[in-house]
């Protein structure tokens, strides 16, 4: 599977949205250089409060541009970075990937998918009704989280809009993504 990077974003502060950047630098084992969520240990405030010594499985937040387009069709004003994602992609169904999938981004960066972003109340603080819009139901009634996926950086590198995205699936059996 192949796709491409549509946009990249980062912010040094814990704001909900992240401003688009010309490029970002991924640091192995840490995340996005200069981003508030960069680090070996968890940086998301709610998780730090629960246990500041947890490994950071949420170093990189990715969301497909196709998902943003669906949200815009429902009347939400969302652009790349608006939901706090670092990387907006196109051409790959990120939600269908199994845990442990490696995404080769740009010339040298490699990230490993750890799970799904758990939608939270901040979505509704940003735009009323947005949290519900990021939740779906499967045919069997199971709740599907659609606010993006999370990853850790395995190999660092520079990343910019237009860069290639190559998917490398892990060995079977594949494990479904769960919230992290």
N, C-alpha and C. Protein backbone atom coordinates (compact mmCIF):
# COMPACT_ATOMS: atom_id res chain seq x y z
N UNK A 1 0.83 -1.18 0.00
CA UNK A 1 0.00 0.00 0.00
C UNK A 1 0.87 1.24 0.00
N UNK A 2 0.45 2.20 -0.79
CA UNK A 2 1.19 3.46 -0.84
C UNK A 2 0.22 4.63 -0.76
N UNK A 3 0.70 5.70 -0.21
CA UNK A 3 -0.05 6.94 -0.13
C UNK A 3 0.92 8.09 -0.13
N UNK A 4 0.47 9.20 0.42
CA UNK A 4 1.37 10.35 0.51
C UNK A 4 1.01 11.20 1.71
N UNK A 5 1.95 12.03 2.10
CA UNK A 5 1.75 12.99 3.17
C UNK A 5 1.14 14.24 2.56
N UNK A 6 0.02 14.68 3.13
CA UNK A 6 -0.66 15.88 2.63
C UNK A 6 -0.17 17.12 3.37
N UNK A 7 0.05 16.97 4.69
CA UNK A 7 0.47 18.11 5.51
C UNK A 7 1.15 17.60 6.76
N UNK A 8 1.97 18.46 7.36
CA UNK A 8 2.62 18.15 8.64
C UNK A 8 2.39 19.34 9.57
N UNK A 9 2.34 19.04 10.88
CA UNK A 9 2.05 20.09 11.86
C UNK A 9 2.75 19.78 13.17
N UNK A 10 3.03 20.80 13.94
CA UNK A 10 3.65 20.64 15.26
C UNK A 10 3.41 21.90 16.06
N UNK A 11 3.45 21.73 17.40
CA UNK A 11 3.29 22.87 18.29
C UNK A 11 4.07 22.62 19.57
N UNK A 12 4.82 23.60 20.05
CA UNK A 12 5.57 23.42 21.29
C UNK A 12 4.68 23.49 22.54
N UNK A 13 3.42 23.92 22.37
CA UNK A 13 2.53 24.04 23.53
C UNK A 13 1.38 23.03 23.42
N UNK A 14 0.73 22.79 24.53
CA UNK A 14 -0.37 21.84 24.59
C UNK A 14 -1.68 22.50 24.16
N UNK A 15 -1.71 22.98 22.95
CA UNK A 15 -2.93 23.52 22.37
C UNK A 15 -3.65 22.39 21.65
N UNK A 16 -4.96 22.55 21.41
CA UNK A 16 -5.71 21.49 20.75
C UNK A 16 -5.26 21.30 19.30
N UNK A 17 -5.22 22.39 18.54
CA UNK A 17 -4.80 22.32 17.15
C UNK A 17 -3.30 22.59 17.04
N UNK A 18 -2.72 22.09 15.96
CA UNK A 18 -1.30 22.32 15.69
C UNK A 18 -1.18 23.05 14.35
N UNK A 19 -0.40 24.13 14.31
CA UNK A 19 -0.25 24.85 13.04
C UNK A 19 0.55 24.04 12.02
N UNK A 20 0.13 24.13 10.76
CA UNK A 20 0.86 23.48 9.68
C UNK A 20 2.27 24.04 9.59
N UNK A 21 3.21 23.18 9.25
CA UNK A 21 4.62 23.56 9.12
C UNK A 21 5.11 23.18 7.72
N UNK A 22 6.15 23.85 7.22
CA UNK A 22 6.72 23.44 5.93
C UNK A 22 7.29 22.02 6.01
N UNK A 23 7.87 21.69 7.19
CA UNK A 23 8.41 20.35 7.41
C UNK A 23 8.51 20.13 8.92
N UNK A 24 8.63 18.85 9.30
CA UNK A 24 8.88 18.49 10.69
C UNK A 24 10.01 17.47 10.71
N UNK A 25 10.68 17.37 11.85
CA UNK A 25 11.75 16.39 12.01
C UNK A 25 11.29 15.35 13.03
N UNK A 26 11.29 14.09 12.61
CA UNK A 26 10.95 12.99 13.50
C UNK A 26 12.22 12.49 14.16
N UNK A 27 12.17 12.29 15.48
CA UNK A 27 13.32 11.83 16.26
C UNK A 27 13.03 10.43 16.77
N UNK A 28 13.91 9.48 16.48
CA UNK A 28 13.71 8.09 16.89
C UNK A 28 13.50 7.99 18.39
N UNK A 29 12.44 7.27 18.78
CA UNK A 29 12.14 7.04 20.18
C UNK A 29 11.53 8.21 20.92
N UNK A 30 11.33 9.34 20.22
CA UNK A 30 10.85 10.55 20.89
C UNK A 30 9.59 11.14 20.27
N UNK A 31 9.58 11.31 18.96
CA UNK A 31 8.45 11.95 18.29
C UNK A 31 8.88 13.10 17.43
N UNK A 32 8.07 14.15 17.40
CA UNK A 32 8.32 15.31 16.55
C UNK A 32 9.15 16.34 17.31
N UNK A 33 10.30 16.67 16.76
CA UNK A 33 11.17 17.66 17.39
C UNK A 33 10.40 18.96 17.61
N UNK A 34 10.46 19.47 18.85
CA UNK A 34 9.82 20.75 19.17
C UNK A 34 8.34 20.66 19.46
N UNK A 35 7.74 19.47 19.36
CA UNK A 35 6.32 19.32 19.64
C UNK A 35 6.12 19.03 21.12
N UNK A 36 5.01 19.49 21.67
CA UNK A 36 4.71 19.32 23.10
C UNK A 36 4.62 17.85 23.51
N UNK A 37 4.34 16.96 22.57
CA UNK A 37 4.18 15.54 22.88
C UNK A 37 5.44 14.73 22.61
N UNK A 38 6.55 15.40 22.35
CA UNK A 38 7.82 14.72 22.07
C UNK A 38 8.44 14.23 23.38
N UNK A 39 8.81 12.96 23.40
CA UNK A 39 9.49 12.43 24.58
C UNK A 39 9.34 10.93 24.71
N UNK A 40 10.25 10.34 25.45
CA UNK A 40 10.24 8.90 25.70
C UNK A 40 9.07 8.48 26.57
N UNK A 41 8.76 9.34 27.55
CA UNK A 41 7.64 9.07 28.45
C UNK A 41 6.43 9.88 28.03
N UNK A 42 5.26 9.42 28.42
CA UNK A 42 3.99 10.02 28.04
C UNK A 42 3.98 11.54 28.28
N UNK A 43 3.40 12.28 27.35
CA UNK A 43 3.33 13.74 27.44
C UNK A 43 1.90 14.27 27.42
N UNK A 44 0.93 13.42 27.09
CA UNK A 44 -0.47 13.87 27.09
C UNK A 44 -0.88 14.10 28.54
N UNK A 45 -1.38 15.28 28.81
CA UNK A 45 -1.61 15.72 30.19
C UNK A 45 -2.44 14.75 31.03
N UNK A 46 -3.51 14.19 30.47
CA UNK A 46 -4.34 13.27 31.26
C UNK A 46 -3.56 12.00 31.61
N UNK A 47 -2.71 11.55 30.71
CA UNK A 47 -1.92 10.35 30.97
C UNK A 47 -0.77 10.64 31.95
N UNK A 48 -0.20 11.83 31.86
CA UNK A 48 0.85 12.22 32.81
C UNK A 48 0.27 12.26 34.22
N UNK A 49 -0.95 12.78 34.33
CA UNK A 49 -1.60 12.87 35.64
C UNK A 49 -1.83 11.47 36.22
N UNK A 50 -2.20 10.51 35.38
CA UNK A 50 -2.45 9.14 35.85
C UNK A 50 -1.16 8.42 36.20
N UNK A 51 -0.13 8.56 35.36
CA UNK A 51 1.16 7.90 35.59
C UNK A 51 2.21 8.52 34.68
N UNK A 52 3.04 9.40 35.18
CA UNK A 52 4.03 10.09 34.34
C UNK A 52 5.17 9.19 33.84
N UNK A 53 5.23 7.96 34.32
CA UNK A 53 6.31 7.06 33.93
C UNK A 53 5.92 6.06 32.84
N UNK A 54 4.76 6.25 32.22
CA UNK A 54 4.32 5.38 31.13
C UNK A 54 5.16 5.67 29.88
N UNK A 55 5.42 4.64 29.08
CA UNK A 55 6.09 4.91 27.80
C UNK A 55 5.15 5.72 26.90
N UNK A 56 5.72 6.57 26.09
CA UNK A 56 4.95 7.41 25.19
C UNK A 56 4.61 6.64 23.92
N UNK A 57 3.43 6.07 23.87
CA UNK A 57 2.96 5.34 22.69
C UNK A 57 2.23 6.26 21.72
N UNK A 58 2.21 7.55 22.05
CA UNK A 58 1.48 8.55 21.26
C UNK A 58 2.44 9.66 20.80
N UNK A 59 3.60 9.26 20.30
CA UNK A 59 4.62 10.23 19.85
C UNK A 59 4.19 10.96 18.58
N UNK A 60 3.40 10.30 17.76
CA UNK A 60 3.00 10.87 16.47
C UNK A 60 1.52 10.58 16.25
N UNK A 61 0.76 11.61 15.91
CA UNK A 61 -0.68 11.48 15.64
C UNK A 61 -0.88 11.67 14.15
N UNK A 62 -1.51 10.69 13.51
CA UNK A 62 -1.79 10.74 12.07
C UNK A 62 -3.29 10.65 11.83
N UNK A 63 -3.75 11.33 10.80
CA UNK A 63 -5.16 11.25 10.41
C UNK A 63 -5.24 11.32 8.89
N UNK A 64 -6.15 10.53 8.29
CA UNK A 64 -6.27 10.59 6.83
C UNK A 64 -7.04 11.84 6.38
N UNK A 65 -6.58 12.44 5.31
CA UNK A 65 -7.26 13.60 4.73
C UNK A 65 -8.69 13.24 4.35
N UNK A 66 -8.91 11.98 3.98
CA UNK A 66 -10.25 11.53 3.63
C UNK A 66 -11.21 11.67 4.82
N UNK A 67 -10.69 11.47 6.03
CA UNK A 67 -11.53 11.63 7.23
C UNK A 67 -11.88 13.10 7.45
N UNK A 68 -10.88 13.97 7.24
CA UNK A 68 -11.15 15.41 7.36
C UNK A 68 -12.20 15.85 6.34
N UNK A 69 -12.15 15.28 5.13
CA UNK A 69 -13.13 15.62 4.09
C UNK A 69 -14.53 15.19 4.53
N UNK A 70 -14.66 14.02 5.16
CA UNK A 70 -15.96 13.56 5.66
C UNK A 70 -16.49 14.52 6.73
N UNK A 71 -15.61 14.95 7.61
CA UNK A 71 -16.02 15.89 8.66
C UNK A 71 -16.45 17.23 8.06
N UNK A 72 -15.71 17.70 7.04
CA UNK A 72 -16.11 18.96 6.37
C UNK A 72 -17.48 18.80 5.71
N UNK A 73 -17.74 17.63 5.13
CA UNK A 73 -19.04 17.37 4.49
C UNK A 73 -20.18 17.40 5.51
N UNK A 74 -19.84 17.15 6.79
CA UNK A 74 -20.84 17.20 7.86
C UNK A 74 -20.95 18.61 8.46
N UNK A 75 -20.20 19.57 7.90
CA UNK A 75 -20.31 20.95 8.34
C UNK A 75 -19.24 21.42 9.31
N UNK A 76 -18.27 20.58 9.61
CA UNK A 76 -17.19 20.98 10.52
C UNK A 76 -16.09 21.69 9.75
N UNK A 77 -15.50 22.69 10.39
CA UNK A 77 -14.39 23.42 9.79
C UNK A 77 -13.09 22.81 10.30
N UNK A 78 -12.55 21.89 9.51
CA UNK A 78 -11.32 21.20 9.89
C UNK A 78 -10.35 21.19 8.71
N UNK A 79 -9.13 21.53 9.02
CA UNK A 79 -8.04 21.52 8.05
C UNK A 79 -6.91 20.70 8.68
N UNK A 80 -5.90 20.34 7.92
CA UNK A 80 -4.78 19.61 8.51
C UNK A 80 -4.23 20.31 9.75
N UNK A 81 -4.05 19.53 10.81
CA UNK A 81 -3.55 20.05 12.08
C UNK A 81 -4.64 20.47 13.04
N UNK A 82 -5.87 20.66 12.54
CA UNK A 82 -6.96 21.16 13.37
C UNK A 82 -7.31 20.24 14.53
N UNK A 83 -7.18 18.93 14.34
CA UNK A 83 -7.53 17.98 15.39
C UNK A 83 -6.31 17.55 16.20
N UNK A 84 -5.23 18.30 16.04
CA UNK A 84 -4.01 18.03 16.82
C UNK A 84 -3.08 17.03 16.19
N UNK A 85 -3.37 16.63 14.96
CA UNK A 85 -2.51 15.63 14.31
C UNK A 85 -1.22 16.26 13.81
N UNK A 86 -0.18 15.44 13.80
CA UNK A 86 1.12 15.87 13.27
C UNK A 86 1.24 15.61 11.78
N UNK A 87 0.58 14.55 11.31
CA UNK A 87 0.71 14.14 9.91
C UNK A 87 -0.67 13.85 9.34
N UNK A 88 -0.99 14.51 8.24
CA UNK A 88 -2.22 14.23 7.50
C UNK A 88 -1.81 13.46 6.26
N UNK A 89 -2.47 12.30 6.05
CA UNK A 89 -2.10 11.42 4.95
C UNK A 89 -3.22 11.33 3.92
N UNK A 90 -2.89 10.69 2.80
CA UNK A 90 -3.88 10.47 1.76
C UNK A 90 -3.58 9.14 1.08
N UNK A 91 -4.64 8.40 0.75
CA UNK A 91 -4.47 7.19 -0.04
C UNK A 91 -4.31 5.90 0.73
N UNK A 92 -4.30 5.96 2.06
CA UNK A 92 -4.19 4.76 2.89
C UNK A 92 -5.26 4.82 3.98
N UNK A 93 -6.01 3.73 4.15
CA UNK A 93 -7.00 3.66 5.21
C UNK A 93 -6.27 3.35 6.52
N UNK A 94 -5.87 4.39 7.21
CA UNK A 94 -5.10 4.22 8.44
C UNK A 94 -5.85 3.40 9.49
N UNK A 95 -7.17 3.53 9.54
CA UNK A 95 -7.96 2.84 10.56
C UNK A 95 -8.01 1.33 10.33
N UNK A 96 -7.71 0.88 9.13
CA UNK A 96 -7.75 -0.56 8.81
C UNK A 96 -6.40 -1.24 9.07
N UNK A 97 -5.38 -0.48 9.41
CA UNK A 97 -4.06 -1.06 9.62
C UNK A 97 -4.00 -1.83 10.94
N UNK A 98 -3.26 -2.92 10.97
CA UNK A 98 -3.08 -3.62 12.24
C UNK A 98 -2.01 -2.96 13.10
N UNK A 99 -2.08 -3.24 14.40
CA UNK A 99 -1.05 -2.77 15.32
C UNK A 99 0.30 -3.32 14.88
N UNK A 100 1.33 -2.50 14.99
CA UNK A 100 2.67 -2.92 14.59
C UNK A 100 3.01 -2.63 13.14
N UNK A 101 2.04 -2.10 12.38
CA UNK A 101 2.33 -1.71 10.99
C UNK A 101 3.41 -0.64 11.00
N UNK A 102 4.33 -0.75 10.07
CA UNK A 102 5.37 0.28 9.93
C UNK A 102 5.04 1.15 8.73
N UNK A 103 5.10 2.44 8.96
CA UNK A 103 4.87 3.42 7.90
C UNK A 103 6.20 4.09 7.59
N UNK A 104 6.63 3.95 6.36
CA UNK A 104 7.84 4.61 5.89
C UNK A 104 7.40 5.95 5.33
N UNK A 105 7.90 7.02 5.93
CA UNK A 105 7.48 8.37 5.59
C UNK A 105 8.66 9.15 5.04
N UNK A 106 8.49 9.70 3.84
CA UNK A 106 9.58 10.46 3.26
C UNK A 106 10.77 9.57 2.94
N UNK A 107 11.95 10.16 2.94
CA UNK A 107 13.16 9.44 2.53
C UNK A 107 13.68 8.47 3.58
N UNK A 108 13.54 8.80 4.88
CA UNK A 108 14.19 7.96 5.89
C UNK A 108 13.35 7.62 7.12
N UNK A 109 12.30 8.34 7.39
CA UNK A 109 11.54 8.14 8.63
C UNK A 109 10.70 6.86 8.59
N UNK A 110 10.64 6.18 9.73
CA UNK A 110 9.81 4.99 9.90
C UNK A 110 9.11 5.12 11.24
N UNK A 111 7.79 4.93 11.24
CA UNK A 111 7.03 4.94 12.48
C UNK A 111 6.26 3.63 12.59
N UNK A 112 5.99 3.24 13.83
CA UNK A 112 5.23 2.01 14.08
C UNK A 112 3.90 2.36 14.72
N UNK A 113 2.82 1.89 14.12
CA UNK A 113 1.47 2.17 14.59
C UNK A 113 1.23 1.46 15.92
N UNK A 114 0.79 2.23 16.94
CA UNK A 114 0.55 1.68 18.27
C UNK A 114 -0.94 1.53 18.58
N UNK A 115 -1.79 2.34 17.96
CA UNK A 115 -3.22 2.23 18.25
C UNK A 115 -4.01 3.43 17.78
N UNK A 116 -5.23 3.50 18.28
CA UNK A 116 -6.18 4.54 17.90
C UNK A 116 -6.15 5.70 18.88
N UNK A 117 -6.34 6.89 18.35
CA UNK A 117 -6.52 8.04 19.24
C UNK A 117 -7.89 7.91 19.88
N UNK A 118 -7.93 8.13 21.16
CA UNK A 118 -9.18 8.09 21.89
C UNK A 118 -9.83 9.48 21.81
N UNK A 119 -10.98 9.61 21.14
CA UNK A 119 -11.63 10.92 21.09
C UNK A 119 -11.98 11.39 22.50
N UNK A 120 -11.83 12.67 22.75
CA UNK A 120 -12.12 13.20 24.08
C UNK A 120 -12.94 14.48 23.98
N UNK A 121 -13.35 14.98 25.15
CA UNK A 121 -14.20 16.17 25.23
C UNK A 121 -13.60 17.38 24.51
N UNK A 122 -12.28 17.42 24.35
CA UNK A 122 -11.67 18.58 23.70
C UNK A 122 -12.17 18.75 22.27
N UNK A 123 -12.59 17.66 21.64
CA UNK A 123 -13.16 17.76 20.30
C UNK A 123 -14.41 18.63 20.31
N UNK A 124 -15.28 18.42 21.31
CA UNK A 124 -16.49 19.23 21.41
C UNK A 124 -16.19 20.66 21.85
N UNK A 125 -15.12 20.84 22.65
CA UNK A 125 -14.70 22.19 23.00
C UNK A 125 -14.25 22.95 21.76
N UNK A 126 -13.65 22.22 20.82
CA UNK A 126 -13.16 22.83 19.57
C UNK A 126 -14.35 23.18 18.66
N UNK A 127 -15.25 22.20 18.44
CA UNK A 127 -16.46 22.43 17.65
C UNK A 127 -17.54 21.49 18.18
N UNK A 128 -18.65 22.04 18.57
CA UNK A 128 -19.75 21.26 19.15
C UNK A 128 -20.16 20.12 18.20
N UNK A 129 -20.27 18.92 18.76
CA UNK A 129 -20.69 17.75 17.98
C UNK A 129 -19.57 16.99 17.31
N UNK A 130 -18.35 17.52 17.40
CA UNK A 130 -17.22 16.89 16.70
C UNK A 130 -16.85 15.53 17.29
N UNK A 131 -16.96 15.39 18.61
CA UNK A 131 -16.61 14.10 19.20
C UNK A 131 -17.52 13.00 18.65
N UNK A 132 -18.80 13.24 18.63
CA UNK A 132 -19.74 12.25 18.10
C UNK A 132 -19.44 11.94 16.64
N UNK A 133 -19.01 12.94 15.89
CA UNK A 133 -18.71 12.76 14.47
C UNK A 133 -17.46 11.90 14.25
N UNK A 134 -16.63 11.75 15.28
CA UNK A 134 -15.43 10.91 15.15
C UNK A 134 -15.67 9.49 15.67
N UNK A 135 -16.93 9.20 15.99
CA UNK A 135 -17.30 7.86 16.45
C UNK A 135 -18.27 7.25 15.45
N UNK A 136 -18.09 5.98 15.15
CA UNK A 136 -18.99 5.26 14.25
C UNK A 136 -19.34 3.92 14.89
N UNK A 137 -20.28 3.23 14.30
CA UNK A 137 -20.65 1.89 14.75
C UNK A 137 -20.41 0.89 13.62
N UNK A 138 -19.78 -0.22 13.96
CA UNK A 138 -19.59 -1.31 13.01
C UNK A 138 -20.92 -2.04 12.85
N UNK A 139 -21.01 -2.91 11.86
CA UNK A 139 -22.23 -3.67 11.61
C UNK A 139 -22.65 -4.47 12.84
N UNK A 140 -21.68 -4.92 13.64
CA UNK A 140 -21.99 -5.70 14.84
C UNK A 140 -22.27 -4.82 16.05
N UNK A 141 -22.26 -3.49 15.87
CA UNK A 141 -22.55 -2.56 16.96
C UNK A 141 -21.34 -2.06 17.70
N UNK A 142 -20.17 -2.60 17.40
CA UNK A 142 -18.93 -2.17 18.08
C UNK A 142 -18.64 -0.71 17.77
N UNK A 143 -18.14 0.00 18.78
CA UNK A 143 -17.78 1.40 18.62
C UNK A 143 -16.46 1.52 17.87
N UNK A 144 -16.42 2.37 16.85
CA UNK A 144 -15.22 2.60 16.06
C UNK A 144 -14.71 4.01 16.31
N UNK A 145 -13.46 4.13 16.72
CA UNK A 145 -12.84 5.42 16.98
C UNK A 145 -12.21 5.93 15.69
N UNK A 146 -12.56 7.16 15.29
CA UNK A 146 -12.10 7.69 14.00
C UNK A 146 -11.48 9.08 14.13
N UNK A 147 -10.72 9.29 15.22
CA UNK A 147 -10.06 10.59 15.44
C UNK A 147 -8.58 10.53 15.11
N UNK A 148 -8.15 9.47 14.44
CA UNK A 148 -6.75 9.33 14.05
C UNK A 148 -6.11 8.12 14.69
N UNK A 149 -4.86 7.88 14.29
CA UNK A 149 -4.09 6.78 14.86
C UNK A 149 -2.83 7.36 15.48
N UNK A 150 -2.21 6.56 16.34
CA UNK A 150 -1.00 6.99 17.03
C UNK A 150 0.15 6.06 16.66
N UNK A 151 1.37 6.58 16.76
CA UNK A 151 2.56 5.80 16.40
C UNK A 151 3.75 6.27 17.22
N UNK A 152 4.77 5.43 17.23
CA UNK A 152 6.07 5.80 17.80
C UNK A 152 7.07 5.87 16.65
N UNK A 153 8.09 6.69 16.84
CA UNK A 153 9.10 6.88 15.80
C UNK A 153 10.20 5.84 15.98
N UNK A 154 10.40 5.02 14.95
CA UNK A 154 11.43 3.98 14.96
C UNK A 154 12.73 4.51 14.36
N UNK A 155 12.60 5.21 13.25
CA UNK A 155 13.75 5.84 12.58
C UNK A 155 13.38 7.27 12.25
N UNK A 156 14.25 8.18 12.58
CA UNK A 156 13.97 9.59 12.39
C UNK A 156 14.18 10.06 10.97
N UNK A 157 13.81 11.31 10.74
CA UNK A 157 14.01 11.93 9.44
C UNK A 157 13.13 13.14 9.26
N UNK A 158 13.38 13.85 8.20
CA UNK A 158 12.63 15.05 7.83
C UNK A 158 11.39 14.63 7.06
N UNK A 159 10.27 15.33 7.31
CA UNK A 159 9.02 14.98 6.66
C UNK A 159 8.31 16.25 6.23
N UNK A 160 7.76 16.24 5.01
CA UNK A 160 7.07 17.41 4.47
C UNK A 160 5.89 16.97 3.61
N UNK A 161 4.99 17.90 3.35
CA UNK A 161 3.86 17.63 2.46
C UNK A 161 4.39 17.16 1.11
N UNK A 162 3.72 16.17 0.54
CA UNK A 162 4.11 15.62 -0.75
C UNK A 162 5.02 14.40 -0.64
N UNK A 163 5.56 14.16 0.56
CA UNK A 163 6.43 12.99 0.74
C UNK A 163 5.62 11.70 0.60
N UNK A 164 6.32 10.65 0.23
CA UNK A 164 5.70 9.34 0.04
C UNK A 164 5.39 8.68 1.38
N UNK A 165 4.39 7.82 1.36
CA UNK A 165 3.99 7.01 2.50
C UNK A 165 3.92 5.57 2.01
N UNK A 166 4.73 4.70 2.59
CA UNK A 166 4.76 3.28 2.22
C UNK A 166 4.35 2.47 3.44
N UNK A 167 3.41 1.54 3.27
CA UNK A 167 2.91 0.71 4.36
C UNK A 167 3.58 -0.66 4.33
N UNK A 168 4.11 -1.08 5.49
CA UNK A 168 4.68 -2.42 5.63
C UNK A 168 3.94 -3.10 6.79
N UNK A 169 3.15 -4.10 6.44
CA UNK A 169 2.35 -4.80 7.45
C UNK A 169 3.23 -5.73 8.28
N UNK A 170 2.85 -5.93 9.56
CA UNK A 170 3.60 -6.85 10.41
C UNK A 170 3.27 -8.29 10.04
N UNK A 171 4.03 -9.23 10.60
CA UNK A 171 3.75 -10.65 10.39
C UNK A 171 2.38 -10.97 11.00
N UNK A 172 1.72 -11.94 10.42
CA UNK A 172 0.43 -12.37 10.96
C UNK A 172 0.67 -13.25 12.18
N UNK A 173 -0.26 -13.35 13.09
CA UNK A 173 -1.61 -12.81 12.99
C UNK A 173 -1.63 -11.31 13.27
N UNK A 174 -2.47 -10.60 12.54
CA UNK A 174 -2.60 -9.16 12.72
C UNK A 174 -3.48 -8.86 13.92
N UNK A 175 -3.06 -7.87 14.69
CA UNK A 175 -3.83 -7.42 15.85
C UNK A 175 -4.55 -6.13 15.52
N UNK A 176 -5.83 -6.09 15.79
CA UNK A 176 -6.63 -4.88 15.51
C UNK A 176 -6.16 -3.73 16.38
N UNK A 177 -6.31 -2.53 15.86
CA UNK A 177 -5.95 -1.34 16.63
C UNK A 177 -6.94 -1.15 17.78
N UNK A 178 -6.40 -0.77 18.92
CA UNK A 178 -7.20 -0.42 20.08
C UNK A 178 -6.76 0.96 20.52
N UNK A 179 -7.55 1.60 21.37
CA UNK A 179 -7.19 2.94 21.81
C UNK A 179 -5.93 2.90 22.68
N UNK A 180 -5.11 3.92 22.48
CA UNK A 180 -3.89 4.06 23.32
C UNK A 180 -3.90 5.43 23.97
